[in-house]
């Protein structure tokens, strides 16, 4: 590759990476005096943060429409809900800029170090997927934490009801006693009820933000109890016990399928590790896969079979409880 092209690719990649990081950094309040004022005024409390985020919608135009990129992505799913579930304060456009910056930086660095031109798009694509993978990992971790906190929250609500407090007061107690993400979400329900939103609508919105089956059981139980009556505290105790029993069974399944999951990781990682090892030891030997037409077909077939094997292994070891 020409040295001029290498220099241009490196410049574009580094510039895109620095620009993406700077755009994300400028979006965060970093001044100490501003942080102190927010703390003194109560803005930094979990419930107040969510309430302020929703209240900011009042300052936007009523006829505000999503951008072109957001409209295209929303055809395959609600991307804003994904960001909310991951608790990430970033827009779709900024995420796209960050992905493009990482892809450009990876291709630029790869060009500087003499990576084959056929591998540069692969390097760029892998780095562009890093923010997306991080977003889904953060969402999965947050939802898992919420599920672990839910039994304790239900027990706390049941004790509050037995002591004569209202359900709304129980939500406030849970919001103050249990950390995020559950405390923040229950605090949001508490704030919505104080503003006049019905408990049915608040819980329905909660189940939309947190796709948890046990949470939906809880919301259904509360709505039915308000319509037909009954001992809600006893129902919450039973739901909490059911969730804990499910966690116990899930832990046993994880222990029994641990060997299979480890075998799947080894089998999926082995071809990739061998590929890079051979690329380091015998560069010309591996480049046949990219230069020869038959080699390209073999490489495509290997990627398809690898993906199919990953899906089969995941289906075998991923047992739903």
C-alpha atoms as a PDB file:
ATOM      1  CA  UNK A   1       0.000   0.000   0.000  1.00  0.00           C
ATOM      2  CA  UNK A   2       1.195   3.492  -0.815  1.00  0.00           C
ATOM      3  CA  UNK A   3       2.710   5.440   2.119  1.00  0.00           C
ATOM      4  CA  UNK A   4       0.471   8.385   1.250  1.00  0.00           C
ATOM      5  CA  UNK A   5      -2.655   6.248   1.553  1.00  0.00           C
ATOM      6  CA  UNK A   6      -1.402   4.845   4.839  1.00  0.00           C
ATOM      7  CA  UNK A   7      -0.829   8.341   6.226  1.00  0.00           C
ATOM      8  CA  UNK A   8      -4.278   9.499   5.090  1.00  0.00           C
ATOM      9  CA  UNK A   9      -5.988   6.454   6.609  1.00  0.00           C
ATOM     10  CA  UNK A  10      -4.152   6.928   9.896  1.00  0.00           C
ATOM     11  CA  UNK A  11      -5.029  10.630  10.004  1.00  0.00           C
ATOM     12  CA  UNK A  12      -8.716  10.003   9.278  1.00  0.00           C
ATOM     13  CA  UNK A  13      -8.924   7.175  11.824  1.00  0.00           C
ATOM     14  CA  UNK A  14      -7.259   9.067  14.655  1.00  0.00           C
ATOM     15  CA  UNK A  15      -9.251  12.231  13.906  1.00  0.00           C
ATOM     16  CA  UNK A  16     -12.531  10.305  13.927  1.00  0.00           C
ATOM     17  CA  UNK A  17     -11.636   8.581  17.200  1.00  0.00           C
ATOM     18  CA  UNK A  18     -10.627  11.824  18.948  1.00  0.00           C
ATOM     19  CA  UNK A  19     -13.728  13.592  17.629  1.00  0.00           C
ATOM     20  CA  UNK A  20     -16.049  10.841  18.850  1.00  0.00           C
ATOM     21  CA  UNK A  21     -14.483  10.750  22.312  1.00  0.00           C
ATOM     22  CA  UNK A  22     -14.566  14.551  22.576  1.00  0.00           C
ATOM     23  CA  UNK A  23     -18.234  14.659  21.586  1.00  0.00           C
ATOM     24  CA  UNK A  24     -19.086  12.149  24.287  1.00  0.00           C
ATOM     25  CA  UNK A  25     -16.966  13.918  26.894  1.00  0.00           C
ATOM     26  CA  UNK A  26     -18.542  17.307  26.246  1.00  0.00           C
ATOM     27  CA  UNK A  27     -21.964  15.858  27.004  1.00  0.00           C
ATOM     28  CA  UNK A  28     -21.069  15.211  30.668  1.00  0.00           C
ATOM     29  CA  UNK A  29     -21.278  17.879  33.424  1.00  0.00           C
ATOM     30  CA  UNK A  30     -17.726  18.050  34.705  1.00  0.00           C
ATOM     31  CA  UNK A  31     -17.647  21.321  36.638  1.00  0.00           C
ATOM     32  CA  UNK A  32     -17.339  20.783  40.395  1.00  0.00           C
ATOM     33  CA  UNK A  33     -19.499  23.765  41.265  1.00  0.00           C
ATOM     34  CA  UNK A  34     -22.300  22.415  39.077  1.00  0.00           C
ATOM     35  CA  UNK A  35     -22.069  18.999  40.719  1.00  0.00           C
ATOM     36  CA  UNK A  36     -22.242  20.584  44.173  1.00  0.00           C
ATOM     37  CA  UNK A  37     -25.280  22.676  43.229  1.00  0.00           C
ATOM     38  CA  UNK A  38     -27.022  19.583  41.879  1.00  0.00           C
ATOM     39  CA  UNK A  39     -26.261  17.693  45.081  1.00  0.00           C
ATOM     40  CA  UNK A  40     -27.555  20.525  47.286  1.00  0.00           C
ATOM     41  CA  UNK A  41     -30.751  20.912  45.284  1.00  0.00           C
ATOM     42  CA  UNK A  42     -31.440  17.148  45.263  1.00  0.00           C
ATOM     43  CA  UNK A  43     -31.025  16.721  41.511  1.00  0.00           C
ATOM     44  CA  UNK A  44     -28.496  13.934  41.951  1.00  0.00           C
ATOM     45  CA  UNK A  45     -30.941  11.642  43.758  1.00  0.00           C
ATOM     46  CA  UNK A  46     -31.948   8.588  41.660  1.00  0.00           C
ATOM     47  CA  UNK A  47     -35.652   9.416  41.552  1.00  0.00           C
ATOM     48  CA  UNK A  48     -34.999  13.061  40.741  1.00  0.00           C
ATOM     49  CA  UNK A  49     -32.698  12.135  37.856  1.00  0.00           C
ATOM     50  CA  UNK A  50     -35.384  10.053  36.188  1.00  0.00           C
ATOM     51  CA  UNK A  51     -38.036  12.663  36.857  1.00  0.00           C
ATOM     52  CA  UNK A  52     -35.846  15.426  35.425  1.00  0.00           C
ATOM     53  CA  UNK A  53     -35.185  13.305  32.371  1.00  0.00           C
ATOM     54  CA  UNK A  54     -38.890  12.924  31.738  1.00  0.00           C
ATOM     55  CA  UNK A  55     -39.588  16.578  32.557  1.00  0.00           C
ATOM     56  CA  UNK A  56     -37.102  17.639  29.895  1.00  0.00           C
ATOM     57  CA  UNK A  57     -39.622  16.435  27.327  1.00  0.00           C
ATOM     58  CA  UNK A  58     -41.753  19.466  28.181  1.00  0.00           C
ATOM     59  CA  UNK A  59     -39.097  21.779  26.753  1.00  0.00           C
ATOM     60  CA  UNK A  60     -39.061  20.008  23.380  1.00  0.00           C
ATOM     61  CA  UNK A  61     -41.351  20.949  20.487  1.00  0.00           C
ATOM     62  CA  UNK A  62     -44.603  19.022  20.352  1.00  0.00           C
ATOM     63  CA  UNK A  63     -44.064  18.163  16.693  1.00  0.00           C
ATOM     64  CA  UNK A  64     -40.492  16.974  17.145  1.00  0.00           C
ATOM     65  CA  UNK A  65     -39.777  14.051  14.850  1.00  0.00           C
ATOM     66  CA  UNK A  66     -36.975  11.493  15.092  1.00  0.00           C
ATOM     67  CA  UNK A  67     -34.043  11.810  12.741  1.00  0.00           C
ATOM     68  CA  UNK A  68     -33.567   9.732   9.619  1.00  0.00           C
ATOM     69  CA  UNK A  69     -31.133   7.326  11.278  1.00  0.00           C
ATOM     70  CA  UNK A  70     -33.407   6.838  14.276  1.00  0.00           C
ATOM     71  CA  UNK A  71     -36.424   6.268  12.013  1.00  0.00           C
ATOM     72  CA  UNK A  72     -34.602   3.600  10.037  1.00  0.00           C
ATOM     73  CA  UNK A  73     -33.325   1.793  13.145  1.00  0.00           C
ATOM     74  CA  UNK A  74     -36.716   1.969  14.895  1.00  0.00           C
ATOM     75  CA  UNK A  75     -38.171  -0.196  12.132  1.00  0.00           C
ATOM     76  CA  UNK A  76     -36.245  -3.112  13.635  1.00  0.00           C
ATOM     77  CA  UNK A  77     -36.929  -2.188  17.278  1.00  0.00           C
ATOM     78  CA  UNK A  78     -37.241   0.664  19.741  1.00  0.00           C
ATOM     79  CA  UNK A  79     -33.643   1.805  20.102  1.00  0.00           C
ATOM     80  CA  UNK A  80     -34.507   4.473  22.679  1.00  0.00           C
ATOM     81  CA  UNK A  81     -35.950   1.774  24.922  1.00  0.00           C
ATOM     82  CA  UNK A  82     -32.692  -0.155  24.554  1.00  0.00           C
ATOM     83  CA  UNK A  83     -30.706   2.867  25.732  1.00  0.00           C
ATOM     84  CA  UNK A  84     -33.125   3.355  28.637  1.00  0.00           C
ATOM     85  CA  UNK A  85     -32.863  -0.290  29.693  1.00  0.00           C
ATOM     86  CA  UNK A  86     -29.070  -0.038  29.642  1.00  0.00           C
ATOM     87  CA  UNK A  87     -29.262   3.274  31.563  1.00  0.00           C
ATOM     88  CA  UNK A  88     -27.008   4.983  29.007  1.00  0.00           C
ATOM     89  CA  UNK A  89     -27.309   8.735  28.495  1.00  0.00           C
ATOM     90  CA  UNK A  90     -26.386   8.761  24.826  1.00  0.00           C
ATOM     91  CA  UNK A  91     -28.288   9.300  21.609  1.00  0.00           C
ATOM     92  CA  UNK A  92     -28.342   7.053  18.589  1.00  0.00           C
ATOM     93  CA  UNK A  93     -26.416   9.563  16.499  1.00  0.00           C
ATOM     94  CA  UNK A  94     -23.606   9.768  19.065  1.00  0.00           C
ATOM     95  CA  UNK A  95     -23.441   5.993  19.257  1.00  0.00           C
ATOM     96  CA  UNK A  96     -23.187   5.825  15.450  1.00  0.00           C
ATOM     97  CA  UNK A  97     -20.390   8.431  15.488  1.00  0.00           C
ATOM     98  CA  UNK A  98     -18.505   6.457  18.129  1.00  0.00           C
ATOM     99  CA  UNK A  99     -18.825   3.224  16.125  1.00  0.00           C
ATOM    100  CA  UNK A 100     -17.647   4.966  12.964  1.00  0.00           C
ATOM    101  CA  UNK A 101     -14.745   6.552  14.864  1.00  0.00           C
ATOM    102  CA  UNK A 102     -13.576   3.206  16.229  1.00  0.00           C
ATOM    103  CA  UNK A 103     -13.894   1.602  12.795  1.00  0.00           C
ATOM    104  CA  UNK A 104     -11.890   4.394  11.158  1.00  0.00           C
ATOM    105  CA  UNK A 105      -9.256   4.328  13.880  1.00  0.00           C
ATOM    106  CA  UNK A 106      -8.891   0.564  13.614  1.00  0.00           C
ATOM    107  CA  UNK A 107      -8.518   0.651   9.853  1.00  0.00           C
ATOM    108  CA  UNK A 108      -6.041   3.514  10.104  1.00  0.00           C
ATOM    109  CA  UNK A 109      -3.874   1.787  12.682  1.00  0.00           C
ATOM    110  CA  UNK A 110      -4.083  -1.447  10.734  1.00  0.00           C
ATOM    111  CA  UNK A 111      -2.945   0.318   7.574  1.00  0.00           C
ATOM    112  CA  UNK A 112      -0.001   1.863   9.444  1.00  0.00           C
ATOM    113  CA  UNK A 113       1.127  -1.541  10.705  1.00  0.00           C
ATOM    114  CA  UNK A 114       0.847  -3.083   7.246  1.00  0.00           C
ATOM    115  CA  UNK A 115      -2.271  -5.195   7.678  1.00  0.00           C
ATOM    116  CA  UNK A 116      -3.502  -6.650   4.408  1.00  0.00           C
ATOM    117  CA  UNK A 117      -6.104  -4.510   2.658  1.00  0.00           C
ATOM    118  CA  UNK A 118      -8.590  -7.388   2.703  1.00  0.00           C
ATOM    119  CA  UNK A 119      -8.419  -7.570   6.499  1.00  0.00           C
ATOM    120  CA  UNK A 120      -8.896  -3.845   7.121  1.00  0.00           C
ATOM    121  CA  UNK A 121     -12.718  -3.921   6.731  1.00  0.00           C
ATOM    122  CA  UNK A 122     -12.843  -6.899   9.111  1.00  0.00           C
ATOM    123  CA  UNK A 123     -10.817  -5.007  11.719  1.00  0.00           C
ATOM    124  CA  UNK A 124     -12.997  -1.929  11.287  1.00  0.00           C
ATOM    125  CA  UNK A 125     -16.212  -3.938  11.595  1.00  0.00           C
ATOM    126  CA  UNK A 126     -15.040  -5.697  14.760  1.00  0.00           C
ATOM    127  CA  UNK A 127     -14.096  -2.422  16.437  1.00  0.00           C
ATOM    128  CA  UNK A 128     -17.358  -0.803  15.327  1.00  0.00           C
ATOM    129  CA  UNK A 129     -19.272  -3.557  17.107  1.00  0.00           C
ATOM    130  CA  UNK A 130     -17.490  -2.929  20.422  1.00  0.00           C
ATOM    131  CA  UNK A 131     -19.841  -0.085  21.566  1.00  0.00           C
ATOM    132  CA  UNK A 132     -22.883  -2.110  20.511  1.00  0.00           C
ATOM    133  CA  UNK A 133     -21.650  -5.164  22.405  1.00  0.00           C
ATOM    134  CA  UNK A 134     -20.945  -2.971  25.430  1.00  0.00           C
ATOM    135  CA  UNK A 135     -24.480  -1.550  25.258  1.00  0.00           C
ATOM    136  CA  UNK A 136     -26.095  -4.997  25.235  1.00  0.00           C
ATOM    137  CA  UNK A 137     -23.751  -6.202  27.996  1.00  0.00           C
ATOM    138  CA  UNK A 138     -24.700  -3.220  30.160  1.00  0.00           C
ATOM    139  CA  UNK A 139     -28.397  -3.810  29.497  1.00  0.00           C
ATOM    140  CA  UNK A 140     -28.096  -7.493  30.385  1.00  0.00           C
ATOM    141  CA  UNK A 141     -26.199  -6.725  33.601  1.00  0.00           C
ATOM    142  CA  UNK A 142     -28.720  -4.071  34.661  1.00  0.00           C
ATOM    143  CA  UNK A 143     -31.724  -6.325  34.039  1.00  0.00           C
ATOM    144  CA  UNK A 144     -30.015  -9.174  35.887  1.00  0.00           C
ATOM    145  CA  UNK A 145     -29.323  -6.906  38.865  1.00  0.00           C
ATOM    146  CA  UNK A 146     -32.956  -5.799  38.855  1.00  0.00           C
ATOM    147  CA  UNK A 147     -34.124  -9.411  38.923  1.00  0.00           C
ATOM    148  CA  UNK A 148     -31.845 -10.221  41.862  1.00  0.00           C
ATOM    149  CA  UNK A 149     -33.124  -7.207  43.811  1.00  0.00           C
ATOM    150  CA  UNK A 150     -36.797  -7.906  43.122  1.00  0.00           C
ATOM    151  CA  UNK A 151     -37.436 -10.541  45.878  1.00  0.00           C
ATOM    152  CA  UNK A 152     -36.076  -8.228  48.565  1.00  0.00           C
ATOM    153  CA  UNK A 153     -38.217  -5.370  47.246  1.00  0.00           C
ATOM    154  CA  UNK A 154     -41.355  -7.521  47.293  1.00  0.00           C
ATOM    155  CA  UNK A 155     -40.639  -8.594  50.872  1.00  0.00           C
ATOM    156  CA  UNK A 156     -40.217  -4.947  51.838  1.00  0.00           C
ATOM    157  CA  UNK A 157     -43.509  -4.029  50.167  1.00  0.00           C
ATOM    158  CA  UNK A 158     -45.273  -6.884  51.969  1.00  0.00           C
ATOM    159  CA  UNK A 159     -43.929  -5.740  55.357  1.00  0.00           C
ATOM    160  CA  UNK A 160     -45.017  -2.171  54.614  1.00  0.00           C
ATOM    161  CA  UNK A 161     -48.557  -3.335  53.776  1.00  0.00           C
ATOM    162  CA  UNK A 162     -48.762  -5.441  56.945  1.00  0.00           C
ATOM    163  CA  UNK A 163     -47.678  -2.468  59.034  1.00  0.00           C
ATOM    164  CA  UNK A 164     -50.622  -0.471  57.711  1.00  0.00           C
ATOM    165  CA  UNK A 165     -48.843   1.670  55.118  1.00  0.00           C
ATOM    166  CA  UNK A 166     -50.172   2.248  51.624  1.00  0.00           C
ATOM    167  CA  UNK A 167     -48.682   0.696  48.515  1.00  0.00           C
ATOM    168  CA  UNK A 168     -47.419   4.096  47.394  1.00  0.00           C
ATOM    169  CA  UNK A 169     -45.594   4.535  50.698  1.00  0.00           C
ATOM    170  CA  UNK A 170     -44.090   1.090  50.166  1.00  0.00           C
ATOM    171  CA  UNK A 171     -42.743   2.188  46.795  1.00  0.00           C
ATOM    172  CA  UNK A 172     -41.146   5.205  48.472  1.00  0.00           C
ATOM    173  CA  UNK A 173     -39.536   3.011  51.125  1.00  0.00           C
ATOM    174  CA  UNK A 174     -38.144   0.632  48.517  1.00  0.00           C
ATOM    175  CA  UNK A 175     -36.784   3.569  46.488  1.00  0.00           C
ATOM    176  CA  UNK A 176     -34.936   4.873  49.543  1.00  0.00           C
ATOM    177  CA  UNK A 177     -33.639   1.547  50.868  1.00  0.00           C
ATOM    178  CA  UNK A 178     -32.647  -0.400  47.740  1.00  0.00           C
ATOM    179  CA  UNK A 179     -29.975   0.903  45.350  1.00  0.00           C
ATOM    180  CA  UNK A 180     -30.305   1.265  41.607  1.00  0.00           C
ATOM    181  CA  UNK A 181     -31.592  -0.029  39.302  1.00  0.00           C
ATOM    182  CA  UNK A 182     -34.630  -1.284  41.226  1.00  0.00           C
ATOM    183  CA  UNK A 183     -34.700   1.578  43.719  1.00  0.00           C
ATOM    184  CA  UNK A 184     -34.570   4.117  40.910  1.00  0.00           C
ATOM    185  CA  UNK A 185     -37.361   2.461  38.958  1.00  0.00           C
ATOM    186  CA  UNK A 186     -39.634   2.116  41.993  1.00  0.00           C
ATOM    187  CA  UNK A 187     -38.872   5.723  42.888  1.00  0.00           C
ATOM    188  CA  UNK A 188     -40.048   6.711  39.443  1.00  0.00           C
ATOM    189  CA  UNK A 189     -43.316   4.855  40.028  1.00  0.00           C
ATOM    190  CA  UNK A 190     -43.694   6.705  43.320  1.00  0.00           C
ATOM    191  CA  UNK A 191     -43.117  10.092  41.655  1.00  0.00           C
ATOM    192  CA  UNK A 192     -45.601   9.294  38.871  1.00  0.00           C
ATOM    193  CA  UNK A 193     -48.317   8.460  41.403  1.00  0.00           C
ATOM    194  CA  UNK A 194     -47.665  11.716  43.228  1.00  0.00           C
ATOM    195  CA  UNK A 195     -48.244  13.512  39.932  1.00  0.00           C
ATOM    196  CA  UNK A 196     -51.626  11.831  39.512  1.00  0.00           C
ATOM    197  CA  UNK A 197     -50.753   8.899  37.254  1.00  0.00           C
ATOM    198  CA  UNK A 198     -52.760   5.789  38.076  1.00  0.00           C
ATOM    199  CA  UNK A 199     -51.003   2.775  39.545  1.00  0.00           C
ATOM    200  CA  UNK A 200     -52.059   0.698  36.549  1.00  0.00           C
ATOM    201  CA  UNK A 201     -50.403   3.055  34.070  1.00  0.00           C
ATOM    202  CA  UNK A 202     -47.290   3.416  36.225  1.00  0.00           C
ATOM    203  CA  UNK A 203     -46.796  -0.336  36.525  1.00  0.00           C
ATOM    204  CA  UNK A 204     -47.513  -0.830  32.834  1.00  0.00           C
ATOM    205  CA  UNK A 205     -44.802   1.695  31.986  1.00  0.00           C
ATOM    206  CA  UNK A 206     -42.461  -0.025  34.448  1.00  0.00           C
ATOM    207  CA  UNK A 207     -42.918  -3.404  32.779  1.00  0.00           C
ATOM    208  CA  UNK A 208     -42.221  -1.766  29.418  1.00  0.00           C
ATOM    209  CA  UNK A 209     -38.944  -0.320  30.691  1.00  0.00           C
ATOM    210  CA  UNK A 210     -37.919  -3.523  32.499  1.00  0.00           C
ATOM    211  CA  UNK A 211     -38.756  -6.702  30.510  1.00  0.00           C
ATOM    212  CA  UNK A 212     -38.854  -9.043  33.498  1.00  0.00           C
ATOM    213  CA  UNK A 213     -41.375 -11.879  33.793  1.00  0.00           C
ATOM    214  CA  UNK A 214     -41.481 -11.765  37.604  1.00  0.00           C
ATOM    215  CA  UNK A 215     -42.066  -8.023  37.513  1.00  0.00           C
ATOM    216  CA  UNK A 216     -45.011  -8.581  35.187  1.00  0.00           C
ATOM    217  CA  UNK A 217     -46.428 -11.097  37.672  1.00  0.00           C
ATOM    218  CA  UNK A 218     -46.126  -8.454  40.380  1.00  0.00           C
ATOM    219  CA  UNK A 219     -47.827  -5.788  38.248  1.00  0.00           C
ATOM    220  CA  UNK A 220     -50.663  -8.163  37.341  1.00  0.00           C
ATOM    221  CA  UNK A 221     -51.154  -9.110  41.001  1.00  0.00           C
ATOM    222  CA  UNK A 222     -51.373  -5.460  42.068  1.00  0.00           C
ATOM    223  CA  UNK A 223     -53.889  -4.603  39.344  1.00  0.00           C
ATOM    224  CA  UNK A 224     -56.071  -7.649  40.100  1.00  0.00           C
ATOM    225  CA  UNK A 225     -55.978  -6.974  43.831  1.00  0.00           C
ATOM    226  CA  UNK A 226     -57.171  -3.410  43.300  1.00  0.00           C
ATOM    227  CA  UNK A 227     -60.032  -4.649  41.130  1.00  0.00           C
ATOM    228  CA  UNK A 228     -61.152  -7.726  43.076  1.00  0.00           C
ATOM    229  CA  UNK A 229     -59.608  -7.322  46.544  1.00  0.00           C
ATOM    230  CA  UNK A 230     -57.540  -9.802  48.546  1.00  0.00           C
ATOM    231  CA  UNK A 231     -54.445  -9.999  50.696  1.00  0.00           C
ATOM    232  CA  UNK A 232     -51.758  -8.351  48.543  1.00  0.00           C
ATOM    233  CA  UNK A 233     -49.049  -8.905  51.177  1.00  0.00           C
ATOM    234  CA  UNK A 234     -49.546 -12.676  51.010  1.00  0.00           C
ATOM    235  CA  UNK A 235     -49.455 -12.608  47.224  1.00  0.00           C
ATOM    236  CA  UNK A 236     -46.175 -10.671  47.263  1.00  0.00           C
ATOM    237  CA  UNK A 237     -44.684 -13.200  49.687  1.00  0.00           C
ATOM    238  CA  UNK A 238     -45.578 -16.039  47.343  1.00  0.00           C
ATOM    239  CA  UNK A 239     -44.137 -14.247  44.307  1.00  0.00           C
ATOM    240  CA  UNK A 240     -40.931 -13.534  46.235  1.00  0.00           C
ATOM    241  CA  UNK A 241     -40.664 -17.193  47.283  1.00  0.00           C
ATOM    242  CA  UNK A 242     -41.254 -18.295  43.685  1.00  0.00           C
ATOM    243  CA  UNK A 243     -38.484 -16.018  42.411  1.00  0.00           C
ATOM    244  CA  UNK A 244     -36.000 -17.348  44.976  1.00  0.00           C
ATOM    245  CA  UNK A 245     -36.862 -20.947  44.081  1.00  0.00           C
ATOM    246  CA  UNK A 246     -36.316 -20.104  40.421  1.00  0.00           C
ATOM    247  CA  UNK A 247     -32.904 -18.612  41.211  1.00  0.00           C
ATOM    248  CA  UNK A 248     -31.956 -21.786  43.058  1.00  0.00           C
ATOM    249  CA  UNK A 249     -32.939 -23.990  40.114  1.00  0.00           C
ATOM    250  CA  UNK A 250     -31.132 -21.667  37.710  1.00  0.00           C
ATOM    251  CA  UNK A 251     -27.954 -21.930  39.783  1.00  0.00           C
ATOM    252  CA  UNK A 252     -28.112 -25.726  39.678  1.00  0.00           C
ATOM    253  CA  UNK A 253     -28.572 -25.643  35.901  1.00  0.00           C
ATOM    254  CA  UNK A 254     -25.603 -23.289  35.523  1.00  0.00           C
ATOM    255  CA  UNK A 255     -23.449 -25.695  37.514  1.00  0.00           C
ATOM    256  CA  UNK A 256     -24.548 -28.700  35.432  1.00  0.00           C
ATOM    257  CA  UNK A 257     -24.047 -26.939  32.090  1.00  0.00           C
ATOM    258  CA  UNK A 258     -20.752 -25.262  33.026  1.00  0.00           C
ATOM    259  CA  UNK A 259     -18.654 -27.900  31.222  1.00  0.00           C
ATOM    260  CA  UNK A 260     -20.726 -27.563  28.068  1.00  0.00           C
ATOM    261  CA  UNK A 261     -20.456 -23.756  28.079  1.00  0.00           C
ATOM    262  CA  UNK A 262     -16.678 -23.923  28.558  1.00  0.00           C
ATOM    263  CA  UNK A 263     -16.374 -26.454  25.721  1.00  0.00           C
ATOM    264  CA  UNK A 264     -18.402 -24.147  23.482  1.00  0.00           C
ATOM    265  CA  UNK A 265     -16.140 -21.193  24.254  1.00  0.00           C
ATOM    266  CA  UNK A 266     -13.019 -23.239  23.487  1.00  0.00           C
ATOM    267  CA  UNK A 267     -14.422 -24.622  20.235  1.00  0.00           C
ATOM    268  CA  UNK A 268     -15.516 -21.188  19.046  1.00  0.00           C
ATOM    269  CA  UNK A 269     -12.299 -19.414  20.036  1.00  0.00           C
ATOM    270  CA  UNK A 270      -9.889 -22.064  18.710  1.00  0.00           C
ATOM    271  CA  UNK A 271     -10.288 -21.292  14.959  1.00  0.00           C
ATOM    272  CA  UNK A 272      -9.880 -17.562  15.559  1.00  0.00           C
ATOM    273  CA  UNK A 273      -6.762 -18.025  17.693  1.00  0.00           C
ATOM    274  CA  UNK A 274      -5.226 -20.431  15.164  1.00  0.00           C
ATOM    275  CA  UNK A 275      -5.992 -17.990  12.342  1.00  0.00           C
ATOM    276  CA  UNK A 276      -4.089 -15.139  13.980  1.00  0.00           C
ATOM    277  CA  UNK A 277      -1.296 -17.489  15.036  1.00  0.00           C
ATOM    278  CA  UNK A 278      -0.836 -18.692  11.459  1.00  0.00           C
ATOM    279  CA  UNK A 279      -1.095 -15.100  10.260  1.00  0.00           C
ATOM    280  CA  UNK A 280       1.840 -14.268  12.497  1.00  0.00           C
ATOM    281  CA  UNK A 281       3.918 -17.358  11.691  1.00  0.00           C
ATOM    282  CA  UNK A 282       3.247 -17.726   7.964  1.00  0.00           C
ATOM    283  CA  UNK A 283       1.655 -14.616   6.475  1.00  0.00           C
ATOM    284  CA  UNK A 284       1.722 -15.746   2.802  1.00  0.00           C
ATOM    285  CA  UNK A 285       0.122 -19.091   3.656  1.00  0.00           C
ATOM    286  CA  UNK A 286      -2.935 -17.438   5.226  1.00  0.00           C
ATOM    287  CA  UNK A 287      -3.266 -14.800   2.482  1.00  0.00           C
ATOM    288  CA  UNK A 288      -4.251 -17.538   0.055  1.00  0.00           C
ATOM    289  CA  UNK A 289      -7.695 -17.430   1.666  1.00  0.00           C
ATOM    290  CA  UNK A 290      -8.062 -13.780   0.602  1.00  0.00           C
ATOM    291  CA  UNK A 291      -6.292 -13.801  -2.757  1.00  0.00           C
ATOM    292  CA  UNK A 292      -7.568 -17.052  -4.278  1.00  0.00           C
ATOM    293  CA  UNK A 293     -11.265 -17.273  -5.295  1.00  0.00           C
ATOM    294  CA  UNK A 294     -11.589 -20.745  -3.801  1.00  0.00           C
ATOM    295  CA  UNK A 295      -9.980 -19.509  -0.598  1.00  0.00           C
ATOM    296  CA  UNK A 296     -12.601 -16.745  -0.290  1.00  0.00           C
ATOM    297  CA  UNK A 297     -15.373 -19.313  -0.671  1.00  0.00           C
ATOM    298  CA  UNK A 298     -13.773 -21.547   1.935  1.00  0.00           C
ATOM    299  CA  UNK A 299     -13.426 -18.598   4.329  1.00  0.00           C
ATOM    300  CA  UNK A 300     -17.069 -17.626   3.860  1.00  0.00           C
ATOM    301  CA  UNK A 301     -18.168 -21.210   4.421  1.00  0.00           C
ATOM    302  CA  UNK A 302     -16.066 -21.433   7.582  1.00  0.00           C
ATOM    303  CA  UNK A 303     -17.628 -18.250   8.984  1.00  0.00           C
ATOM    304  CA  UNK A 304     -21.156 -19.503   8.251  1.00  0.00           C
ATOM    305  CA  UNK A 305     -20.485 -22.904   9.827  1.00  0.00           C
ATOM    306  CA  UNK A 306     -18.847 -21.219  12.837  1.00  0.00           C
ATOM    307  CA  UNK A 307     -21.912 -19.022  13.360  1.00  0.00           C
ATOM    308  CA  UNK A 308     -24.233 -22.029  12.971  1.00  0.00           C
ATOM    309  CA  UNK A 309     -22.191 -23.997  15.506  1.00  0.00           C
ATOM    310  CA  UNK A 310     -22.339 -21.089  17.959  1.00  0.00           C
ATOM    311  CA  UNK A 311     -26.142 -20.987  17.684  1.00  0.00           C
ATOM    312  CA  UNK A 312     -26.423 -24.758  18.211  1.00  0.00           C
ATOM    313  CA  UNK A 313     -24.146 -24.720  21.272  1.00  0.00           C
ATOM    314  CA  UNK A 314     -26.023 -21.757  22.719  1.00  0.00           C
ATOM    315  CA  UNK A 315     -29.322 -23.551  22.188  1.00  0.00           C
ATOM    316  CA  UNK A 316     -28.035 -26.636  24.000  1.00  0.00           C
ATOM    317  CA  UNK A 317     -26.567 -24.924  27.090  1.00  0.00           C
ATOM    318  CA  UNK A 318     -29.071 -22.060  27.404  1.00  0.00           C
ATOM    319  CA  UNK A 319     -31.899 -23.619  29.423  1.00  0.00           C
ATOM    320  CA  UNK A 320     -34.647 -21.223  30.395  1.00  0.00           C
ATOM    321  CA  UNK A 321     -36.110 -21.457  33.891  1.00  0.00           C
END
